[in-house]
Amino acid sequence: METDSRLCKPSGDLTIFEAAEFKEALMAVLSNDGLVCLDLSQVGRVDTASMQLLWAARKLGRLLVTGISDELQTKLNRLGFSEPLSE
């Protein structure tokens, strides 16, 4: 998982098995002031554990999400998350 002070770019799957590492990476970038970027372009599968983390991070209002696959958007819509992940 690639991270710097304002970017989190996970790769591979984001499932319950990767959720702890993903949460740590999100918390690290969100600990900085201002807008942060989450690039999901290299992510394969996403499960509900990671979607919950995404939605919680979104509530902070400082998250720009890029690279959302059609599959992830479909899963979010099916679970009732109709608003975009980015603010």
N, C-alpha and C. Protein backbone atom coordinates (compact mmCIF):
# COMPACT_ATOMS: atom_id res chain seq x y z
N MET A 1 0.84 -1.17 0.00
CA MET A 1 0.00 0.00 0.00
C MET A 1 0.89 1.23 0.00
N GLU A 2 0.74 2.02 -1.03
CA GLU A 2 1.54 3.23 -1.17
C GLU A 2 0.85 4.37 -0.41
N THR A 3 1.61 5.06 0.43
CA THR A 3 1.06 6.21 1.13
C THR A 3 2.12 7.30 1.23
N ASP A 4 1.67 8.52 1.28
CA ASP A 4 2.50 9.65 1.67
C ASP A 4 1.61 10.56 2.51
N SER A 5 2.00 11.78 2.75
CA SER A 5 1.27 12.61 3.70
C SER A 5 -0.17 12.93 3.28
N ARG A 6 -0.46 12.88 1.99
CA ARG A 6 -1.81 13.22 1.53
C ARG A 6 -2.38 12.23 0.52
N LEU A 7 -1.75 11.09 0.35
CA LEU A 7 -2.20 10.09 -0.62
C LEU A 7 -2.16 8.71 -0.01
N CYS A 8 -3.24 7.96 -0.22
CA CYS A 8 -3.29 6.55 0.13
C CYS A 8 -3.68 5.81 -1.15
N LYS A 9 -2.82 4.89 -1.60
CA LYS A 9 -3.07 4.17 -2.85
C LYS A 9 -2.91 2.67 -2.60
N PRO A 10 -3.97 2.04 -2.08
CA PRO A 10 -3.90 0.60 -1.85
C PRO A 10 -3.90 -0.17 -3.17
N SER A 11 -3.39 -1.38 -3.13
CA SER A 11 -3.41 -2.25 -4.31
C SER A 11 -3.80 -3.65 -3.88
N GLY A 12 -4.33 -4.39 -4.83
CA GLY A 12 -4.79 -5.74 -4.52
C GLY A 12 -6.20 -5.70 -3.95
N ASP A 13 -6.48 -6.60 -3.04
CA ASP A 13 -7.81 -6.69 -2.45
C ASP A 13 -7.92 -5.85 -1.18
N LEU A 14 -9.11 -5.36 -0.92
CA LEU A 14 -9.43 -4.69 0.33
C LEU A 14 -10.58 -5.47 0.97
N THR A 15 -10.21 -6.50 1.69
CA THR A 15 -11.19 -7.35 2.34
C THR A 15 -10.93 -7.32 3.85
N ILE A 16 -11.66 -8.11 4.57
CA ILE A 16 -11.51 -8.18 6.02
C ILE A 16 -10.06 -8.49 6.40
N PHE A 17 -9.36 -9.20 5.55
CA PHE A 17 -7.98 -9.60 5.83
C PHE A 17 -7.01 -8.42 5.73
N GLU A 18 -7.34 -7.43 4.93
CA GLU A 18 -6.50 -6.25 4.77
C GLU A 18 -7.04 -5.03 5.51
N ALA A 19 -8.18 -5.17 6.16
CA ALA A 19 -8.88 -4.02 6.76
C ALA A 19 -8.03 -3.30 7.81
N ALA A 20 -7.31 -4.01 8.64
CA ALA A 20 -6.51 -3.36 9.69
C ALA A 20 -5.41 -2.49 9.07
N GLU A 21 -4.72 -3.02 8.07
CA GLU A 21 -3.67 -2.25 7.40
C GLU A 21 -4.27 -1.06 6.65
N PHE A 22 -5.40 -1.27 6.01
CA PHE A 22 -6.07 -0.20 5.28
C PHE A 22 -6.51 0.91 6.24
N LYS A 23 -7.05 0.53 7.38
CA LYS A 23 -7.48 1.50 8.38
C LYS A 23 -6.29 2.34 8.86
N GLU A 24 -5.18 1.69 9.13
CA GLU A 24 -3.98 2.41 9.57
C GLU A 24 -3.52 3.41 8.52
N ALA A 25 -3.53 2.99 7.25
CA ALA A 25 -3.10 3.88 6.16
C ALA A 25 -4.04 5.07 6.03
N LEU A 26 -5.35 4.81 6.12
CA LEU A 26 -6.33 5.90 6.05
C LEU A 26 -6.14 6.88 7.21
N MET A 27 -5.96 6.34 8.40
CA MET A 27 -5.78 7.19 9.57
C MET A 27 -4.52 8.04 9.46
N ALA A 28 -3.48 7.48 8.87
CA ALA A 28 -2.22 8.22 8.71
C ALA A 28 -2.41 9.43 7.79
N VAL A 29 -3.07 9.24 6.65
CA VAL A 29 -3.25 10.39 5.75
C VAL A 29 -4.28 11.37 6.29
N LEU A 30 -5.29 10.86 6.98
CA LEU A 30 -6.32 11.75 7.53
C LEU A 30 -5.84 12.51 8.76
N SER A 31 -4.71 12.13 9.32
CA SER A 31 -4.17 12.86 10.45
C SER A 31 -3.56 14.20 10.01
N ASN A 32 -3.37 14.37 8.72
CA ASN A 32 -2.87 15.63 8.17
C ASN A 32 -4.04 16.57 7.91
N ASP A 33 -3.75 17.85 7.93
CA ASP A 33 -4.78 18.85 7.64
C ASP A 33 -5.08 18.89 6.16
N GLY A 34 -6.28 19.33 5.83
CA GLY A 34 -6.64 19.54 4.44
C GLY A 34 -7.13 18.31 3.73
N LEU A 35 -7.32 18.47 2.44
CA LEU A 35 -7.83 17.42 1.58
C LEU A 35 -6.80 16.31 1.40
N VAL A 36 -7.27 15.07 1.44
CA VAL A 36 -6.40 13.92 1.18
C VAL A 36 -7.02 13.10 0.04
N CYS A 37 -6.17 12.36 -0.65
CA CYS A 37 -6.60 11.59 -1.81
C CYS A 37 -6.50 10.09 -1.52
N LEU A 38 -7.52 9.38 -1.90
CA LEU A 38 -7.54 7.92 -1.83
C LEU A 38 -7.71 7.43 -3.26
N ASP A 39 -6.67 6.81 -3.80
CA ASP A 39 -6.67 6.32 -5.18
C ASP A 39 -6.96 4.82 -5.15
N LEU A 40 -8.12 4.41 -5.64
CA LEU A 40 -8.54 3.01 -5.63
C LEU A 40 -8.32 2.32 -6.97
N SER A 41 -7.54 2.92 -7.86
CA SER A 41 -7.38 2.39 -9.21
C SER A 41 -6.67 1.04 -9.26
N GLN A 42 -5.92 0.69 -8.24
CA GLN A 42 -5.19 -0.58 -8.23
C GLN A 42 -5.85 -1.64 -7.34
N VAL A 43 -7.07 -1.38 -6.90
CA VAL A 43 -7.78 -2.28 -5.99
C VAL A 43 -8.62 -3.26 -6.79
N GLY A 44 -8.55 -4.52 -6.39
CA GLY A 44 -9.35 -5.56 -7.03
C GLY A 44 -10.69 -5.70 -6.32
N ARG A 45 -10.74 -6.62 -5.37
CA ARG A 45 -11.99 -6.87 -4.63
C ARG A 45 -12.08 -5.96 -3.41
N VAL A 46 -13.32 -5.59 -3.09
CA VAL A 46 -13.60 -4.81 -1.89
C VAL A 46 -14.79 -5.47 -1.19
N ASP A 47 -14.67 -5.68 0.12
CA ASP A 47 -15.80 -6.25 0.85
C ASP A 47 -16.40 -5.20 1.77
N THR A 48 -17.41 -5.61 2.53
CA THR A 48 -18.13 -4.65 3.36
C THR A 48 -17.27 -4.08 4.49
N ALA A 49 -16.29 -4.81 4.98
CA ALA A 49 -15.41 -4.29 6.03
C ALA A 49 -14.68 -3.04 5.53
N SER A 50 -14.14 -3.11 4.34
CA SER A 50 -13.43 -1.96 3.78
C SER A 50 -14.37 -0.86 3.34
N MET A 51 -15.56 -1.24 2.87
CA MET A 51 -16.54 -0.22 2.50
C MET A 51 -16.95 0.59 3.72
N GLN A 52 -17.05 -0.05 4.88
CA GLN A 52 -17.37 0.68 6.11
C GLN A 52 -16.28 1.68 6.44
N LEU A 53 -15.03 1.29 6.25
CA LEU A 53 -13.91 2.21 6.48
C LEU A 53 -13.97 3.39 5.51
N LEU A 54 -14.26 3.11 4.26
CA LEU A 54 -14.38 4.17 3.26
C LEU A 54 -15.49 5.15 3.65
N TRP A 55 -16.61 4.63 4.06
CA TRP A 55 -17.74 5.48 4.39
C TRP A 55 -17.45 6.32 5.64
N ALA A 56 -16.79 5.73 6.62
CA ALA A 56 -16.41 6.47 7.82
C ALA A 56 -15.44 7.60 7.48
N ALA A 57 -14.47 7.32 6.63
CA ALA A 57 -13.50 8.34 6.22
C ALA A 57 -14.19 9.45 5.44
N ARG A 58 -15.17 9.10 4.66
CA ARG A 58 -15.91 10.08 3.86
C ARG A 58 -16.60 11.10 4.75
N LYS A 59 -17.08 10.67 5.90
CA LYS A 59 -17.81 11.56 6.81
C LYS A 59 -16.97 12.72 7.33
N LEU A 60 -15.65 12.60 7.23
CA LEU A 60 -14.78 13.68 7.68
C LEU A 60 -14.79 14.87 6.73
N GLY A 61 -15.24 14.64 5.49
CA GLY A 61 -15.39 15.73 4.53
C GLY A 61 -14.11 16.23 3.91
N ARG A 62 -13.03 15.45 3.99
CA ARG A 62 -11.75 15.90 3.43
C ARG A 62 -11.16 14.84 2.51
N LEU A 63 -11.99 14.01 1.93
CA LEU A 63 -11.51 12.86 1.17
C LEU A 63 -11.87 13.00 -0.30
N LEU A 64 -10.85 12.94 -1.15
CA LEU A 64 -11.04 12.88 -2.59
C LEU A 64 -10.72 11.45 -3.02
N VAL A 65 -11.73 10.76 -3.54
CA VAL A 65 -11.56 9.36 -3.95
C VAL A 65 -11.49 9.31 -5.47
N THR A 66 -10.45 8.66 -5.98
CA THR A 66 -10.30 8.50 -7.42
C THR A 66 -10.17 7.01 -7.74
N GLY A 67 -10.36 6.68 -8.99
CA GLY A 67 -10.15 5.30 -9.45
C GLY A 67 -11.20 4.31 -8.96
N ILE A 68 -12.43 4.77 -8.74
CA ILE A 68 -13.49 3.87 -8.28
C ILE A 68 -13.94 3.00 -9.44
N SER A 69 -13.81 1.70 -9.27
CA SER A 69 -14.22 0.78 -10.34
C SER A 69 -15.75 0.70 -10.41
N ASP A 70 -16.23 0.24 -11.55
CA ASP A 70 -17.67 0.04 -11.70
C ASP A 70 -18.18 -0.97 -10.68
N GLU A 71 -17.37 -2.01 -10.40
CA GLU A 71 -17.76 -3.03 -9.43
C GLU A 71 -17.96 -2.43 -8.05
N LEU A 72 -17.02 -1.60 -7.61
CA LEU A 72 -17.14 -0.98 -6.29
C LEU A 72 -18.34 -0.05 -6.25
N GLN A 73 -18.54 0.73 -7.28
CA GLN A 73 -19.69 1.64 -7.30
C GLN A 73 -21.00 0.86 -7.25
N THR A 74 -21.07 -0.27 -7.96
CA THR A 74 -22.26 -1.12 -7.93
C THR A 74 -22.50 -1.66 -6.53
N LYS A 75 -21.44 -2.14 -5.86
CA LYS A 75 -21.57 -2.66 -4.50
C LYS A 75 -22.06 -1.56 -3.55
N LEU A 76 -21.49 -0.38 -3.66
CA LEU A 76 -21.92 0.73 -2.81
C LEU A 76 -23.39 1.04 -3.03
N ASN A 77 -23.81 1.07 -4.29
CA ASN A 77 -25.21 1.36 -4.60
C ASN A 77 -26.14 0.29 -4.04
N ARG A 78 -25.74 -0.97 -4.16
CA ARG A 78 -26.57 -2.08 -3.66
C ARG A 78 -26.73 -2.02 -2.14
N LEU A 79 -25.72 -1.51 -1.46
CA LEU A 79 -25.78 -1.41 0.00
C LEU A 79 -26.45 -0.12 0.46
N GLY A 80 -26.93 0.69 -0.48
CA GLY A 80 -27.65 1.90 -0.13
C GLY A 80 -26.81 3.15 -0.02
N PHE A 81 -25.53 3.07 -0.39
CA PHE A 81 -24.66 4.24 -0.37
C PHE A 81 -24.78 4.94 -1.71
N SER A 82 -25.76 5.81 -1.82
CA SER A 82 -26.01 6.46 -3.10
C SER A 82 -25.21 7.73 -3.30
N GLU A 83 -24.70 8.31 -2.22
CA GLU A 83 -23.90 9.52 -2.33
C GLU A 83 -22.47 9.16 -2.74
N PRO A 84 -21.79 10.06 -3.44
CA PRO A 84 -20.40 9.77 -3.84
C PRO A 84 -19.47 9.69 -2.64
N LEU A 85 -18.37 8.93 -2.77
CA LEU A 85 -17.40 8.81 -1.70
C LEU A 85 -16.62 10.10 -1.49
N SER A 86 -16.41 10.83 -2.56
CA SER A 86 -15.65 12.08 -2.46
C SER A 86 -16.56 13.21 -1.99
N GLU A 87 -15.96 14.16 -1.32
CA GLU A 87 -16.68 15.35 -0.88
C GLU A 87 -16.44 16.46 -1.87
